[in-house]
C-alpha atoms as a PDB file:
ATOM      1  CA  MET A   1     139.488  64.463 151.976  1.00  0.00           C
ATOM      2  CA  SER A   2     141.922  62.556 149.868  1.00  0.00           C
ATOM      3  CA  THR A   3     142.395  59.197 151.563  1.00  0.00           C
ATOM      4  CA  PRO A   4     142.768  56.717 148.737  1.00  0.00           C
ATOM      5  CA  LYS A   5     142.565  53.074 149.720  1.00  0.00           C
ATOM      6  CA  ASN A   6     145.462  50.820 148.794  1.00  0.00           C
ATOM      7  CA  ILE A   7     147.942  53.333 147.437  1.00  0.00           C
ATOM      8  CA  LYS A   8     150.452  51.702 145.091  1.00  0.00           C
ATOM      9  CA  ALA A   9     154.217  51.947 145.496  1.00  0.00           C
ATOM     10  CA  SER A  10     155.932  54.287 143.016  1.00  0.00           C
ATOM     11  CA  ASP A  11     158.594  56.998 142.775  1.00  0.00           C
ATOM     12  CA  ALA A  12     156.084  59.738 143.648  1.00  0.00           C
ATOM     13  CA  LYS A  13     156.459  61.955 146.707  1.00  0.00           C
ATOM     14  CA  LEU A  14     153.514  61.867 149.127  1.00  0.00           C
ATOM     15  CA  ALA A  15     152.506  64.554 151.610  1.00  0.00           C
ATOM     16  CA  ILE A  16     151.032  62.707 154.594  1.00  0.00           C
ATOM     17  CA  THR A  17     149.047  64.701 157.169  1.00  0.00           C
ATOM     18  CA  GLN A  18     147.663  63.383 160.434  1.00  0.00           C
ATOM     19  CA  ILE A  19     143.981  64.356 160.667  1.00  0.00           C
ATOM     20  CA  LYS A  20     142.774  62.353 163.669  1.00  0.00           C
ATOM     21  CA  SER A  21     144.014  61.587 167.160  1.00  0.00           C
ATOM     22  CA  THR A  22     145.482  58.265 168.256  1.00  0.00           C
ATOM     23  CA  ILE A  23     143.755  58.469 171.638  1.00  0.00           C
ATOM     24  CA  GLY A  24     141.818  55.257 172.139  1.00  0.00           C
ATOM     25  CA  GLY A  25     143.512  53.688 169.132  1.00  0.00           C
ATOM     26  CA  LYS A  26     145.451  50.460 168.986  1.00  0.00           C
ATOM     27  CA  GLN A  27     149.125  50.500 169.913  1.00  0.00           C
ATOM     28  CA  ASN A  28     150.221  49.360 166.447  1.00  0.00           C
ATOM     29  CA  GLN A  29     148.411  52.347 164.903  1.00  0.00           C
ATOM     30  CA  LYS A  30     150.152  54.750 167.287  1.00  0.00           C
ATOM     31  CA  ASP A  31     153.495  53.118 166.456  1.00  0.00           C
ATOM     32  CA  THR A  32     152.773  53.337 162.718  1.00  0.00           C
ATOM     33  CA  LEU A  33     152.064  57.085 162.870  1.00  0.00           C
ATOM     34  CA  ARG A  34     155.243  57.613 164.890  1.00  0.00           C
ATOM     35  CA  SER A  35     157.225  55.601 162.335  1.00  0.00           C
ATOM     36  CA  LEU A  36     155.855  57.800 159.566  1.00  0.00           C
ATOM     37  CA  GLY A  37     157.195  60.784 161.524  1.00  0.00           C
ATOM     38  CA  LEU A  38     153.790  62.185 162.531  1.00  0.00           C
ATOM     39  CA  LYS A  39     153.610  63.610 166.037  1.00  0.00           C
ATOM     40  CA  HIS A  40     150.300  65.469 166.315  1.00  0.00           C
ATOM     41  CA  ILE A  41     147.144  66.407 164.435  1.00  0.00           C
ATOM     42  CA  GLY A  42     147.914  68.720 161.535  1.00  0.00           C
ATOM     43  CA  HIS A  43     151.546  67.583 161.257  1.00  0.00           C
ATOM     44  CA  THR A  44     152.636  66.881 157.665  1.00  0.00           C
ATOM     45  CA  VAL A  45     155.607  64.889 156.389  1.00  0.00           C
ATOM     46  CA  VAL A  46     156.773  64.230 152.824  1.00  0.00           C
ATOM     47  CA  ARG A  47     157.835  60.675 152.057  1.00  0.00           C
ATOM     48  CA  THR A  48     158.598  58.677 148.911  1.00  0.00           C
ATOM     49  CA  ALA A  49     155.839  56.221 148.005  1.00  0.00           C
ATOM     50  CA  ASP A  50     157.995  53.133 148.488  1.00  0.00           C
ATOM     51  CA  ALA A  51     156.564  49.779 149.588  1.00  0.00           C
ATOM     52  CA  VAL A  52     157.241  50.356 153.303  1.00  0.00           C
ATOM     53  CA  THR A  53     155.614  53.786 153.395  1.00  0.00           C
ATOM     54  CA  VAL A  54     152.605  52.617 151.380  1.00  0.00           C
ATOM     55  CA  GLY A  55     152.126  49.701 153.780  1.00  0.00           C
ATOM     56  CA  MET A  56     152.178  52.046 156.767  1.00  0.00           C
ATOM     57  CA  ILE A  57     149.668  54.403 155.124  1.00  0.00           C
ATOM     58  CA  ASN A  58     147.341  51.494 154.365  1.00  0.00           C
ATOM     59  CA  THR A  59     147.516  50.486 158.052  1.00  0.00           C
ATOM     60  CA  VAL A  60     146.129  53.846 159.244  1.00  0.00           C
ATOM     61  CA  PRO A  61     144.089  55.296 156.341  1.00  0.00           C
ATOM     62  CA  HIS A  62     141.414  56.627 158.703  1.00  0.00           C
ATOM     63  CA  LEU A  63     143.963  58.734 160.629  1.00  0.00           C
ATOM     64  CA  VAL A  64     145.818  60.366 157.736  1.00  0.00           C
ATOM     65  CA  LYS A  65     145.230  62.442 154.613  1.00  0.00           C
ATOM     66  CA  VAL A  66     147.491  61.642 151.668  1.00  0.00           C
ATOM     67  CA  GLU A  67     148.197  63.982 148.768  1.00  0.00           C
ATOM     68  CA  GLU A  68     150.822  63.983 146.058  1.00  0.00           C
ATOM     69  CA  ALA A  69     153.574  66.399 147.053  1.00  0.00           C
ATOM     70  CA  LYS A  70     154.276  69.246 144.656  1.00  0.00           C
END
């Protein structure tokens, strides 16, 4: 799994995939995944690695897999 801690903001595109459920998780973690655009396990979105996105990823690193988009 590629879940780097503390990703840095850049111009790169990131493919973010939800790999774990939010059941039993904190409300802010559920809200963060929803804000990223993730709706269910296995769902992938491509986002720019700006400061906001990087902050959201660093809030839920245990629930997502992050790869550089091609």
